[in-house]
Amino acid sequence: MAEHATIIRIARFQPAAGKRDELTRQLKEGAAQIRDMEGCFGAQICRSSDSSDAVVAISRWASQAALDKFLQASAAQRAGLGELLTGTPATETLSSV
């Protein structure tokens, strides 16, 4: 595996009213599983200083293929978060230059 992550994925979640703690709990459980995936350099759940309610998931990957494999494997789990959210999570994928 590469020495450093070449792909970083940032997902910003806006919790539904009264659902922030449950959303955070589920995302933390998911992050623990993600860390064990091949090609993952790490995953963490964060608070945003720009939005007191937002919950942000950051994951670092060896390659786009590793991220794609995660996204495919976790599609159902991510879809299950819908009742805890207002709107669709905003995602951004960064690649090293």
PDB file of N, CA and C in Angstrom:
ATOM      1  N   MET A   1       0.849  -1.171   0.000  1.00  0.00           N
ATOM      2  CA  MET A   1       0.000   0.000   0.000  1.00  0.00           C
ATOM      3  C   MET A   1       0.897   1.237   0.000  1.00  0.00           C
ATOM      4  N   ALA A   2       0.416   2.296  -0.606  1.00  0.00           N
ATOM      5  CA  ALA A   2       1.158   3.552  -0.679  1.00  0.00           C
ATOM      6  C   ALA A   2       1.432   4.078   0.731  1.00  0.00           C
ATOM      7  N   GLU A   3       2.443   4.914   0.838  1.00  0.00           N
ATOM      8  CA  GLU A   3       2.809   5.476   2.135  1.00  0.00           C
ATOM      9  C   GLU A   3       1.786   6.497   2.635  1.00  0.00           C
ATOM     10  N   HIS A   4       1.174   7.226   1.706  1.00  0.00           N
ATOM     11  CA  HIS A   4       0.201   8.253   2.062  1.00  0.00           C
ATOM     12  C   HIS A   4      -1.077   8.062   1.250  1.00  0.00           C
ATOM     13  N   ALA A   5      -2.168   8.543   1.807  1.00  0.00           N
ATOM     14  CA  ALA A   5      -3.442   8.507   1.087  1.00  0.00           C
ATOM     15  C   ALA A   5      -3.370   9.423  -0.124  1.00  0.00           C
ATOM     16  N   THR A   6      -3.942   8.968  -1.221  1.00  0.00           N
ATOM     17  CA  THR A   6      -4.010   9.811  -2.418  1.00  0.00           C
ATOM     18  C   THR A   6      -5.414  10.365  -2.627  1.00  0.00           C
ATOM     19  N   ILE A   7      -6.391   9.792  -1.923  1.00  0.00           N
ATOM     20  CA  ILE A   7      -7.792  10.204  -2.040  1.00  0.00           C
ATOM     21  C   ILE A   7      -8.344  10.490  -0.642  1.00  0.00           C
ATOM     22  N   ILE A   8      -9.021  11.614  -0.504  1.00  0.00           N
ATOM     23  CA  ILE A   8      -9.678  11.979   0.753  1.00  0.00           C
ATOM     24  C   ILE A   8     -11.139  12.268   0.439  1.00  0.00           C
ATOM     25  N   ARG A   9     -12.020  11.658   1.207  1.00  0.00           N
ATOM     26  CA  ARG A   9     -13.461  11.887   1.014  1.00  0.00           C
ATOM     27  C   ARG A   9     -14.014  12.592   2.238  1.00  0.00           C
ATOM     28  N   ILE A  10     -14.739  13.665   2.001  1.00  0.00           N
ATOM     29  CA  ILE A  10     -15.373  14.432   3.065  1.00  0.00           C
ATOM     30  C   ILE A  10     -16.883  14.395   2.827  1.00  0.00           C
ATOM     31  N   ALA A  11     -17.619  13.987   3.838  1.00  0.00           N
ATOM     32  CA  ALA A  11     -19.084  13.957   3.745  1.00  0.00           C
ATOM     33  C   ALA A  11     -19.651  14.752   4.914  1.00  0.00           C
ATOM     34  N   ARG A  12     -20.493  15.733   4.595  1.00  0.00           N
ATOM     35  CA  ARG A  12     -21.117  16.583   5.617  1.00  0.00           C
ATOM     36  C   ARG A  12     -22.588  16.193   5.747  1.00  0.00           C
ATOM     37  N   PHE A  13     -22.971  15.825   6.960  1.00  0.00           N
ATOM     38  CA  PHE A  13     -24.327  15.379   7.249  1.00  0.00           C
ATOM     39  C   PHE A  13     -25.040  16.431   8.095  1.00  0.00           C
ATOM     40  N   GLN A  14     -26.272  16.736   7.736  1.00  0.00           N
ATOM     41  CA  GLN A  14     -27.100  17.649   8.527  1.00  0.00           C
ATOM     42  C   GLN A  14     -28.163  16.802   9.220  1.00  0.00           C
ATOM     43  N   PRO A  15     -28.054  16.633  10.543  1.00  0.00           N
ATOM     44  CA  PRO A  15     -29.003  15.761  11.235  1.00  0.00           C
ATOM     45  C   PRO A  15     -30.410  16.353  11.315  1.00  0.00           C
ATOM     46  N   ALA A  16     -31.383  15.459  11.289  1.00  0.00           N
ATOM     47  CA  ALA A  16     -32.771  15.859  11.526  1.00  0.00           C
ATOM     48  C   ALA A  16     -32.904  16.301  12.985  1.00  0.00           C
ATOM     49  N   ALA A  17     -33.944  17.041  13.274  1.00  0.00           N
ATOM     50  CA  ALA A  17     -34.169  17.544  14.634  1.00  0.00           C
ATOM     51  C   ALA A  17     -34.147  16.399  15.644  1.00  0.00           C
ATOM     52  N   GLY A  18     -33.331  16.552  16.666  1.00  0.00           N
ATOM     53  CA  GLY A  18     -33.246  15.560  17.731  1.00  0.00           C
ATOM     54  C   GLY A  18     -32.498  14.287  17.373  1.00  0.00           C
ATOM     55  N   LYS A  19     -31.873  14.222  16.210  1.00  0.00           N
ATOM     56  CA  LYS A  19     -31.228  12.987  15.740  1.00  0.00           C
ATOM     57  C   LYS A  19     -29.700  13.068  15.698  1.00  0.00           C
ATOM     58  N   ARG A  20     -29.123  14.174  16.155  1.00  0.00           N
ATOM     59  CA  ARG A  20     -27.668  14.351  16.035  1.00  0.00           C
ATOM     60  C   ARG A  20     -26.887  13.253  16.769  1.00  0.00           C
ATOM     61  N   ASP A  21     -27.269  12.952  17.999  1.00  0.00           N
ATOM     62  CA  ASP A  21     -26.541  11.945  18.771  1.00  0.00           C
ATOM     63  C   ASP A  21     -26.625  10.574  18.115  1.00  0.00           C
ATOM     64  N   GLU A  22     -27.805  10.193  17.646  1.00  0.00           N
ATOM     65  CA  GLU A  22     -27.968   8.893  16.980  1.00  0.00           C
ATOM     66  C   GLU A  22     -27.169   8.853  15.685  1.00  0.00           C
ATOM     67  N   LEU A  23     -27.210   9.922  14.916  1.00  0.00           N
ATOM     68  CA  LEU A  23     -26.434   9.988  13.679  1.00  0.00           C
ATOM     69  C   LEU A  23     -24.948   9.856  13.981  1.00  0.00           C
ATOM     70  N   THR A  24     -24.474  10.594  14.960  1.00  0.00           N
ATOM     71  CA  THR A  24     -23.058  10.530  15.336  1.00  0.00           C
ATOM     72  C   THR A  24     -22.676   9.118  15.752  1.00  0.00           C
ATOM     73  N   ARG A  25     -23.514   8.474  16.548  1.00  0.00           N
ATOM     74  CA  ARG A  25     -23.237   7.105  17.001  1.00  0.00           C
ATOM     75  C   ARG A  25     -23.119   6.155  15.818  1.00  0.00           C
ATOM     76  N   GLN A  26     -24.072   6.225  14.900  1.00  0.00           N
ATOM     77  CA  GLN A  26     -24.035   5.324  13.748  1.00  0.00           C
ATOM     78  C   GLN A  26     -22.830   5.599  12.850  1.00  0.00           C
ATOM     79  N   LEU A  27     -22.496   6.872  12.659  1.00  0.00           N
ATOM     80  CA  LEU A  27     -21.334   7.195  11.831  1.00  0.00           C
ATOM     81  C   LEU A  27     -20.037   6.719  12.484  1.00  0.00           C
ATOM     82  N   LYS A  28     -19.937   6.830  13.807  1.00  0.00           N
ATOM     83  CA  LYS A  28     -18.741   6.341  14.508  1.00  0.00           C
ATOM     84  C   LYS A  28     -18.608   4.829  14.370  1.00  0.00           C
ATOM     85  N   GLU A  29     -19.719   4.114  14.473  1.00  0.00           N
ATOM     86  CA  GLU A  29     -19.687   2.662  14.280  1.00  0.00           C
ATOM     87  C   GLU A  29     -19.228   2.329  12.866  1.00  0.00           C
ATOM     88  N   GLY A  30     -19.746   3.062  11.887  1.00  0.00           N
ATOM     89  CA  GLY A  30     -19.343   2.844  10.504  1.00  0.00           C
ATOM     90  C   GLY A  30     -17.876   3.149  10.282  1.00  0.00           C
ATOM     91  N   ALA A  31     -17.379   4.220  10.904  1.00  0.00           N
ATOM     92  CA  ALA A  31     -15.969   4.592  10.751  1.00  0.00           C
ATOM     93  C   ALA A  31     -15.057   3.499  11.290  1.00  0.00           C
ATOM     94  N   ALA A  32     -15.457   2.867  12.383  1.00  0.00           N
ATOM     95  CA  ALA A  32     -14.653   1.782  12.941  1.00  0.00           C
ATOM     96  C   ALA A  32     -14.544   0.627  11.944  1.00  0.00           C
ATOM     97  N   GLN A  33     -15.608   0.335  11.231  1.00  0.00           N
ATOM     98  CA  GLN A  33     -15.585  -0.725  10.218  1.00  0.00           C
ATOM     99  C   GLN A  33     -14.772  -0.308   9.000  1.00  0.00           C
ATOM    100  N   ILE A  34     -14.889   0.950   8.614  1.00  0.00           N
ATOM    101  CA  ILE A  34     -14.167   1.456   7.445  1.00  0.00           C
ATOM    102  C   ILE A  34     -12.667   1.328   7.645  1.00  0.00           C
ATOM    103  N   ARG A  35     -12.194   1.600   8.855  1.00  0.00           N
ATOM    104  CA  ARG A  35     -10.754   1.561   9.135  1.00  0.00           C
ATOM    105  C   ARG A  35     -10.136   0.209   8.815  1.00  0.00           C
ATOM    106  N   ASP A  36     -10.935  -0.839   8.854  1.00  0.00           N
ATOM    107  CA  ASP A  36     -10.430  -2.186   8.577  1.00  0.00           C
ATOM    108  C   ASP A  36     -10.453  -2.545   7.096  1.00  0.00           C
ATOM    109  N   MET A  37     -11.001  -1.679   6.264  1.00  0.00           N
ATOM    110  CA  MET A  37     -11.107  -1.990   4.840  1.00  0.00           C
ATOM    111  C   MET A  37      -9.759  -1.832   4.141  1.00  0.00           C
ATOM    112  N   GLU A  38      -9.536  -2.693   3.170  1.00  0.00           N
ATOM    113  CA  GLU A  38      -8.308  -2.617   2.385  1.00  0.00           C
ATOM    114  C   GLU A  38      -8.234  -1.269   1.672  1.00  0.00           C
ATOM    115  N   GLY A  39      -7.087  -0.629   1.783  1.00  0.00           N
ATOM    116  CA  GLY A  39      -6.875   0.647   1.118  1.00  0.00           C
ATOM    117  C   GLY A  39      -7.274   1.859   1.931  1.00  0.00           C
ATOM    118  N   CYS A  40      -7.784   1.646   3.149  1.00  0.00           N
ATOM    119  CA  CYS A  40      -8.190   2.770   3.993  1.00  0.00           C
ATOM    120  C   CYS A  40      -7.043   3.161   4.922  1.00  0.00           C
ATOM    121  N   PHE A  41      -6.692   4.431   4.911  1.00  0.00           N
ATOM    122  CA  PHE A  41      -5.665   4.952   5.808  1.00  0.00           C
ATOM    123  C   PHE A  41      -6.261   5.458   7.114  1.00  0.00           C
ATOM    124  N   GLY A  42      -7.557   5.647   7.165  1.00  0.00           N
ATOM    125  CA  GLY A  42      -8.202   6.104   8.383  1.00  0.00           C
ATOM    126  C   GLY A  42      -9.538   6.751   8.093  1.00  0.00           C
ATOM    127  N   ALA A  43     -10.361   6.806   9.135  1.00  0.00           N
ATOM    128  CA  ALA A  43     -11.678   7.441   9.036  1.00  0.00           C
ATOM    129  C   ALA A  43     -11.999   8.041  10.390  1.00  0.00           C
ATOM    130  N   GLN A  44     -12.599   9.208  10.364  1.00  0.00           N
ATOM    131  CA  GLN A  44     -12.981   9.835  11.618  1.00  0.00           C
ATOM    132  C   GLN A  44     -14.246  10.657  11.432  1.00  0.00           C
ATOM    133  N   ILE A  45     -14.937  10.850  12.540  1.00  0.00           N
ATOM    134  CA  ILE A  45     -16.163  11.635  12.568  1.00  0.00           C
ATOM    135  C   ILE A  45     -15.855  12.900  13.360  1.00  0.00           C
ATOM    136  N   CYS A  46     -16.238  14.043  12.803  1.00  0.00           N
ATOM    137  CA  CYS A  46     -15.855  15.338  13.371  1.00  0.00           C
ATOM    138  C   CYS A  46     -17.049  16.272  13.514  1.00  0.00           C
ATOM    139  N   ARG A  47     -16.873  17.274  14.354  1.00  0.00           N
ATOM    140  CA  ARG A  47     -17.791  18.412  14.421  1.00  0.00           C
ATOM    141  C   ARG A  47     -17.237  19.488  13.499  1.00  0.00           C
ATOM    142  N   SER A  48     -18.101  20.310  12.985  1.00  0.00           N
ATOM    143  CA  SER A  48     -17.685  21.421  12.132  1.00  0.00           C
ATOM    144  C   SER A  48     -17.713  22.720  12.929  1.00  0.00           C
ATOM    145  N   SER A  49     -16.657  23.507  12.810  1.00  0.00           N
ATOM    146  CA  SER A  49     -16.655  24.814  13.473  1.00  0.00           C
ATOM    147  C   SER A  49     -17.541  25.809  12.719  1.00  0.00           C
ATOM    148  N   ASP A  50     -17.901  25.472  11.477  1.00  0.00           N
ATOM    149  CA  ASP A  50     -18.755  26.348  10.673  1.00  0.00           C
ATOM    150  C   ASP A  50     -20.243  26.125  10.921  1.00  0.00           C
ATOM    151  N   SER A  51     -20.601  24.954  11.433  1.00  0.00           N
ATOM    152  CA  SER A  51     -22.002  24.621  11.668  1.00  0.00           C
ATOM    153  C   SER A  51     -22.084  23.738  12.903  1.00  0.00           C
ATOM    154  N   SER A  52     -22.715  24.230  13.950  1.00  0.00           N
ATOM    155  CA  SER A  52     -22.749  23.494  15.214  1.00  0.00           C
ATOM    156  C   SER A  52     -23.517  22.180  15.118  1.00  0.00           C
ATOM    157  N   ASP A  53     -24.420  22.059  14.161  1.00  0.00           N
ATOM    158  CA  ASP A  53     -25.202  20.833  14.024  1.00  0.00           C
ATOM    159  C   ASP A  53     -24.571  19.812  13.092  1.00  0.00           C
ATOM    160  N   ALA A  54     -23.789  20.251  12.134  1.00  0.00           N
ATOM    161  CA  ALA A  54     -23.256  19.344  11.114  1.00  0.00           C
ATOM    162  C   ALA A  54     -22.341  18.290  11.727  1.00  0.00           C
ATOM    163  N   VAL A  55     -22.400  17.102  11.150  1.00  0.00           N
ATOM    164  CA  VAL A  55     -21.499  16.018  11.501  1.00  0.00           C
ATOM    165  C   VAL A  55     -20.730  15.691  10.225  1.00  0.00           C
ATOM    166  N   VAL A  56     -19.405  15.630  10.320  1.00  0.00           N
ATOM    167  CA  VAL A  56     -18.562  15.462   9.144  1.00  0.00           C
ATOM    168  C   VAL A  56     -17.786  14.155   9.248  1.00  0.00           C
ATOM    169  N   ALA A  57     -17.825  13.371   8.186  1.00  0.00           N
ATOM    170  CA  ALA A  57     -17.045  12.136   8.105  1.00  0.00           C
ATOM    171  C   ALA A  57     -15.899  12.362   7.126  1.00  0.00           C
ATOM    172  N   ILE A  58     -14.693  12.022   7.555  1.00  0.00           N
ATOM    173  CA  ILE A  58     -13.510  12.159   6.715  1.00  0.00           C
ATOM    174  C   ILE A  58     -12.855  10.790   6.618  1.00  0.00           C
ATOM    175  N   SER A  59     -12.575  10.362   5.408  1.00  0.00           N
ATOM    176  CA  SER A  59     -11.861   9.099   5.217  1.00  0.00           C
ATOM    177  C   SER A  59     -10.736   9.314   4.216  1.00  0.00           C
ATOM    178  N   ARG A  60      -9.662   8.548   4.404  1.00  0.00           N
ATOM    179  CA  ARG A  60      -8.474   8.677   3.560  1.00  0.00           C
ATOM    180  C   ARG A  60      -8.183   7.320   2.921  1.00  0.00           C
ATOM    181  N   TRP A  61      -7.906   7.354   1.607  1.00  0.00           N
ATOM    182  CA  TRP A  61      -7.823   6.127   0.824  1.00  0.00           C
ATOM    183  C   TRP A  61      -6.550   6.059  -0.012  1.00  0.00           C
ATOM    184  N   ALA A  62      -6.097   4.844  -0.254  1.00  0.00           N
ATOM    185  CA  ALA A  62      -4.904   4.618  -1.075  1.00  0.00           C
ATOM    186  C   ALA A  62      -5.161   4.945  -2.537  1.00  0.00           C
ATOM    187  N   SER A  63      -6.411   4.755  -2.983  1.00  0.00           N
ATOM    188  CA  SER A  63      -6.722   4.954  -4.405  1.00  0.00           C
ATOM    189  C   SER A  63      -8.211   5.214  -4.581  1.00  0.00           C
ATOM    190  N   GLN A  64      -8.565   5.695  -5.757  1.00  0.00           N
ATOM    191  CA  GLN A  64      -9.977   5.885  -6.084  1.00  0.00           C
ATOM    192  C   GLN A  64     -10.688   4.536  -6.108  1.00  0.00           C
ATOM    193  N   ALA A  65      -9.989   3.497  -6.565  1.00  0.00           N
ATOM    194  CA  ALA A  65     -10.587   2.159  -6.608  1.00  0.00           C
ATOM    195  C   ALA A  65     -10.954   1.677  -5.204  1.00  0.00           C
ATOM    196  N   ALA A  66     -10.103   1.946  -4.220  1.00  0.00           N
ATOM    197  CA  ALA A  66     -10.397   1.545  -2.840  1.00  0.00           C
ATOM    198  C   ALA A  66     -11.617   2.303  -2.315  1.00  0.00           C
ATOM    199  N   LEU A  67     -11.692   3.594  -2.610  1.00  0.00           N
ATOM    200  CA  LEU A  67     -12.865   4.379  -2.208  1.00  0.00           C
ATOM    201  C   LEU A  67     -14.117   3.859  -2.898  1.00  0.00           C
ATOM    202  N   ASP A  68     -14.026   3.588  -4.185  1.00  0.00           N
ATOM    203  CA  ASP A  68     -15.183   3.074  -4.926  1.00  0.00           C
ATOM    204  C   ASP A  68     -15.678   1.757  -4.340  1.00  0.00           C
ATOM    205  N   LYS A  69     -14.752   0.898  -3.937  1.00  0.00           N
ATOM    206  CA  LYS A  69     -15.124  -0.385  -3.338  1.00  0.00           C
ATOM    207  C   LYS A  69     -15.883  -0.146  -2.027  1.00  0.00           C
ATOM    208  N   PHE A  70     -15.405   0.785  -1.225  1.00  0.00           N
ATOM    209  CA  PHE A  70     -16.101   1.145   0.012  1.00  0.00           C
ATOM    210  C   PHE A  70     -17.500   1.676  -0.280  1.00  0.00           C
ATOM    211  N   LEU A  71     -17.598   2.596  -1.231  1.00  0.00           N
ATOM    212  CA  LEU A  71     -18.897   3.199  -1.546  1.00  0.00           C
ATOM    213  C   LEU A  71     -19.898   2.145  -2.001  1.00  0.00           C
ATOM    214  N   GLN A  72     -19.433   1.188  -2.790  1.00  0.00           N
ATOM    215  CA  GLN A  72     -20.313   0.119  -3.255  1.00  0.00           C
ATOM    216  C   GLN A  72     -20.733  -0.773  -2.083  1.00  0.00           C
ATOM    217  N   ALA A  73     -19.780  -1.139  -1.238  1.00  0.00           N
ATOM    218  CA  ALA A  73     -20.066  -2.046  -0.128  1.00  0.00           C
ATOM    219  C   ALA A  73     -20.955  -1.405   0.936  1.00  0.00           C
ATOM    220  N   SER A  74     -20.905  -0.092   1.059  1.00  0.00           N
ATOM    221  CA  SER A  74     -21.636   0.585   2.134  1.00  0.00           C
ATOM    222  C   SER A  74     -22.896   1.305   1.665  1.00  0.00           C
ATOM    223  N   ALA A  75     -23.299   1.105   0.439  1.00  0.00           N
ATOM    224  CA  ALA A  75     -24.449   1.835  -0.114  1.00  0.00           C
ATOM    225  C   ALA A  75     -25.715   1.633   0.725  1.00  0.00           C
ATOM    226  N   ALA A  76     -26.015   0.414   1.101  1.00  0.00           N
ATOM    227  CA  ALA A  76     -27.233   0.148   1.875  1.00  0.00           C
ATOM    228  C   ALA A  76     -27.147   0.774   3.263  1.00  0.00           C
ATOM    229  N   GLN A  77     -25.986   0.686   3.880  1.00  0.00           N
ATOM    230  CA  GLN A  77     -25.802   1.273   5.209  1.00  0.00           C
ATOM    231  C   GLN A  77     -25.983   2.790   5.157  1.00  0.00           C
ATOM    232  N   ARG A  78     -25.417   3.427   4.154  1.00  0.00           N
ATOM    233  CA  ARG A  78     -25.552   4.877   4.011  1.00  0.00           C
ATOM    234  C   ARG A  78     -26.999   5.266   3.721  1.00  0.00           C
ATOM    235  N   ALA A  79     -27.692   4.475   2.920  1.00  0.00           N
ATOM    236  CA  ALA A  79     -29.101   4.749   2.618  1.00  0.00           C
ATOM    237  C   ALA A  79     -29.950   4.662   3.883  1.00  0.00           C
ATOM    238  N   GLY A  80     -29.563   3.801   4.803  1.00  0.00           N
ATOM    239  CA  GLY A  80     -30.289   3.637   6.059  1.00  0.00           C
ATOM    240  C   GLY A  80     -30.203   4.831   6.992  1.00  0.00           C
ATOM    241  N   LEU A  81     -29.316   5.764   6.700  1.00  0.00           N
ATOM    242  CA  LEU A  81     -29.189   6.959   7.532  1.00  0.00           C
ATOM    243  C   LEU A  81     -30.260   8.001   7.217  1.00  0.00           C
ATOM    244  N   GLY A  82     -31.006   7.799   6.144  1.00  0.00           N
ATOM    245  CA  GLY A  82     -31.950   8.797   5.651  1.00  0.00           C
ATOM    246  C   GLY A  82     -32.873   9.383   6.695  1.00  0.00           C
ATOM    247  N   GLU A  83     -33.417   8.554   7.578  1.00  0.00           N
ATOM    248  CA  GLU A  83     -34.360   9.050   8.583  1.00  0.00           C
ATOM    249  C   GLU A  83     -33.685   9.932   9.635  1.00  0.00           C
ATOM    250  N   LEU A  84     -32.367   9.896   9.687  1.00  0.00           N
ATOM    251  CA  LEU A  84     -31.630  10.701  10.661  1.00  0.00           C
ATOM    252  C   LEU A  84     -31.176  12.040  10.089  1.00  0.00           C
ATOM    253  N   LEU A  85     -31.441  12.263   8.801  1.00  0.00           N
ATOM    254  CA  LEU A  85     -30.896  13.424   8.095  1.00  0.00           C
ATOM    255  C   LEU A  85     -31.976  14.374   7.602  1.00  0.00           C
ATOM    256  N   THR A  86     -31.566  15.611   7.401  1.00  0.00           N
ATOM    257  CA  THR A  86     -32.366  16.552   6.624  1.00  0.00           C
ATOM    258  C   THR A  86     -31.592  16.772   5.336  1.00  0.00           C
ATOM    259  N   GLY A  87     -32.105  16.282   4.263  1.00  0.00           N
ATOM    260  CA  GLY A  87     -31.432  16.431   2.977  1.00  0.00           C
ATOM    261  C   GLY A  87     -30.372  15.373   2.732  1.00  0.00           C
ATOM    262  N   THR A  88     -29.731  15.522   1.603  1.00  0.00           N
ATOM    263  CA  THR A  88     -28.681  14.607   1.173  1.00  0.00           C
ATOM    264  C   THR A  88     -27.334  15.111   1.672  1.00  0.00           C
ATOM    265  N   PRO A  89     -26.473  14.216   2.164  1.00  0.00           N
ATOM    266  CA  PRO A  89     -25.149  14.666   2.598  1.00  0.00           C
ATOM    267  C   PRO A  89     -24.380  15.319   1.445  1.00  0.00           C
ATOM    268  N   ALA A  90     -23.644  16.355   1.777  1.00  0.00           N
ATOM    269  CA  ALA A  90     -22.767  17.001   0.796  1.00  0.00           C
ATOM    270  C   ALA A  90     -21.427  16.280   0.841  1.00  0.00           C
ATOM    271  N   THR A  91     -20.973  15.787  -0.302  1.00  0.00           N
ATOM    272  CA  THR A  91     -19.712  15.058  -0.330  1.00  0.00           C
ATOM    273  C   THR A  91     -18.715  15.744  -1.251  1.00  0.00           C
ATOM    274  N   GLU A  92     -17.458  15.550  -0.919  1.00  0.00           N
ATOM    275  CA  GLU A  92     -16.372  16.070  -1.739  1.00  0.00           C
ATOM    276  C   GLU A  92     -15.246  15.054  -1.702  1.00  0.00           C
ATOM    277  N   THR A  93     -14.662  14.792  -2.857  1.00  0.00           N
ATOM    278  CA  THR A  93     -13.527  13.890  -2.944  1.00  0.00           C
ATOM    279  C   THR A  93     -12.326  14.692  -3.415  1.00  0.00           C
ATOM    280  N   LEU A  94     -11.251  14.597  -2.660  1.00  0.00           N
ATOM    281  CA  LEU A  94     -10.021  15.313  -2.968  1.00  0.00           C
ATOM    282  C   LEU A  94      -8.959  14.315  -3.398  1.00  0.00           C
ATOM    283  N   SER A  95      -8.118  14.695  -4.328  1.00  0.00           N
ATOM    284  CA  SER A  95      -7.003  13.840  -4.731  1.00  0.00           C
ATOM    285  C   SER A  95      -5.710  14.630  -4.628  1.00  0.00           C
ATOM    286  N   SER A  96      -4.653  13.945  -4.229  1.00  0.00           N
ATOM    287  CA  SER A  96      -3.367  14.618  -4.063  1.00  0.00           C
ATOM    288  C   SER A  96      -2.798  15.014  -5.419  1.00  0.00           C
ATOM    289  N   VAL A  97      -2.007  16.063  -5.415  1.00  0.00           N
ATOM    290  CA  VAL A  97      -1.383  16.550  -6.649  1.00  0.00           C
ATOM    291  C   VAL A  97       0.121  16.421  -6.550  1.00  0.00           C
TER     292      VAL A  97
END
